[in-house]
Amino acid sequence: MKNDPIELVRGSGNLFRDFRHADADVAQLKAILAAEIIKTMDEQDLSVRKAHAQTGFAAADFSRIRNADLGRFTIDRLMTILNSLGSKVEVSVQVKHWDIASAPHI
C-alpha cells in the first residue's frame, strides 16, 4: 500500500462540475458570492445580527450564508446582499466550450 502509485486527477476548476452537480456553474457562482459575503462580514467584524442591522436583510439569511445553506438564494439576491455590505460586484462572463465526456470521473 505504501508503494502504490497515487492517481492525480486534475479538476475543472469547478468542484460542482467535477462531481456532476446539475447546476454546477450556478452553484459555483453562489459559493463565490457567499464566500465574499462571509469575508466582508469578517473584515467588518459583523455578527449576523449586526449585518442585519446594517443591511436590513434577515439575520437568518446571514446565518444560512455562513453555513453554506445557499438553496434559498438566487445569484442576484446574493449580489444585492454583498452590495448592501458596501462591496461593489462586477461580473464578467467568459464562455468556454466544455466536453462533459472528458470530465474527470471522481
Protein backbone atom coordinates (compact mmCIF):
# COMPACT_ATOMS: atom_id res chain seq x y z
CA MET A 1 0.00 0.00 0.00
CA LYS A 2 2.89 2.36 0.75
CA ASN A 3 4.31 1.95 -2.73
CA ASP A 4 1.02 2.14 -4.61
CA PRO A 5 1.08 4.99 -7.10
CA ILE A 6 -1.19 7.91 -6.35
CA GLU A 7 -3.53 8.85 -9.15
CA LEU A 8 -3.61 12.57 -9.77
CA VAL A 9 -6.87 13.86 -11.18
CA ARG A 10 -6.90 17.40 -12.47
CA GLY A 11 -10.17 19.16 -11.74
CA SER A 12 -12.02 21.57 -13.97
CA GLY A 13 -11.74 24.47 -11.53
CA ASN A 14 -15.36 23.96 -10.54
CA LEU A 15 -15.84 21.36 -7.84
CA PHE A 16 -19.56 21.19 -8.53
CA ARG A 17 -18.90 20.35 -12.19
CA ASP A 18 -16.32 17.74 -11.24
CA PHE A 19 -18.95 15.99 -9.12
CA ARG A 20 -21.53 16.40 -11.89
CA HIS A 21 -23.85 18.74 -9.96
CA ALA A 22 -26.86 19.58 -12.14
CA ASP A 23 -26.39 23.37 -11.93
CA ALA A 24 -22.64 23.43 -11.45
CA ASP A 25 -21.96 26.92 -12.76
CA VAL A 26 -24.77 28.46 -10.71
CA ALA A 27 -23.63 26.62 -7.58
CA GLN A 28 -20.05 27.78 -8.14
CA LEU A 29 -21.08 31.42 -8.53
CA LYS A 30 -23.29 31.24 -5.44
CA ALA A 31 -20.40 29.76 -3.45
CA ILE A 32 -18.05 32.53 -4.61
CA LEU A 33 -20.56 35.25 -3.70
CA ALA A 34 -21.25 33.63 -0.31
CA ALA A 35 -17.53 33.45 0.40
CA GLU A 36 -17.20 37.15 -0.40
CA ILE A 37 -20.12 37.96 1.92
CA ILE A 38 -18.50 35.98 4.73
CA LYS A 39 -15.13 37.64 4.05
CA THR A 40 -16.73 41.09 4.15
CA MET A 41 -18.57 40.30 7.37
CA ASP A 42 -15.33 39.09 8.94
CA GLU A 43 -13.41 42.16 7.79
CA GLN A 44 -16.09 44.45 9.24
CA ASP A 45 -16.39 42.31 12.39
CA LEU A 46 -20.12 41.84 11.76
CA SER A 47 -22.17 39.22 13.55
CA VAL A 48 -25.33 38.07 11.79
CA ARG A 49 -27.32 40.48 13.96
CA LYS A 50 -25.01 43.40 13.19
CA ALA A 51 -25.18 42.56 9.48
CA HIS A 52 -28.98 42.53 9.72
CA ALA A 53 -28.98 45.92 11.44
CA GLN A 54 -26.64 47.38 8.81
CA THR A 55 -28.39 45.97 5.72
CA GLY A 56 -31.97 45.13 6.64
CA PHE A 57 -31.56 41.55 5.42
CA ALA A 58 -32.67 38.94 7.94
CA ALA A 59 -30.09 37.67 10.41
CA ALA A 60 -31.23 34.17 9.40
CA ASP A 61 -30.08 34.91 5.84
CA PHE A 62 -26.58 35.70 7.07
CA SER A 63 -26.64 32.59 9.23
CA ARG A 64 -27.60 30.45 6.22
CA ILE A 65 -24.82 32.01 4.16
CA ARG A 66 -22.27 31.32 6.90
CA ASN A 67 -23.44 27.70 6.96
CA ALA A 68 -23.26 27.40 3.15
CA ASP A 69 -27.00 26.71 3.00
CA LEU A 70 -27.48 28.55 -0.28
CA GLY A 71 -30.50 26.75 -1.71
CA ARG A 72 -32.90 29.60 -0.92
CA PHE A 73 -30.73 32.26 -2.52
CA THR A 74 -30.64 33.49 -6.08
CA ILE A 75 -27.49 34.92 -7.57
CA ASP A 76 -28.99 38.40 -7.73
CA ARG A 77 -30.04 38.26 -4.08
CA LEU A 78 -26.51 37.29 -3.01
CA MET A 79 -25.14 40.14 -5.13
CA THR A 80 -27.59 42.56 -3.51
CA ILE A 81 -26.58 41.40 -0.03
CA LEU A 82 -22.91 41.85 -0.90
CA ASN A 83 -23.61 45.32 -2.29
CA SER A 84 -25.51 46.25 0.87
CA LEU A 85 -22.38 45.43 2.88
CA GLY A 86 -20.51 48.10 0.94
CA SER A 87 -18.91 45.99 -1.76
CA LYS A 88 -19.27 46.60 -5.46
CA VAL A 89 -19.91 43.48 -7.51
CA GLU A 90 -18.65 43.40 -11.06
CA VAL A 91 -19.37 40.39 -13.23
CA SER A 92 -17.66 39.33 -16.42
CA VAL A 93 -18.67 36.31 -18.43
CA GLN A 94 -16.36 34.02 -20.31
CA VAL A 95 -17.93 31.18 -22.27
CA LYS A 96 -15.82 28.06 -22.75
CA HIS A 97 -16.95 25.05 -24.68
CA TRP A 98 -16.53 22.04 -22.44
CA ASP A 99 -16.95 18.38 -23.21
CA ILE A 100 -18.61 16.59 -20.31
CA ALA A 101 -17.31 13.26 -21.63
CA SER A 102 -13.75 14.44 -20.93
CA ALA A 103 -14.57 15.44 -17.34
CA PRO A 104 -12.73 13.65 -14.56
CA HIS A 105 -14.59 10.65 -13.19
CA ILE A 106 -14.39 11.02 -9.45
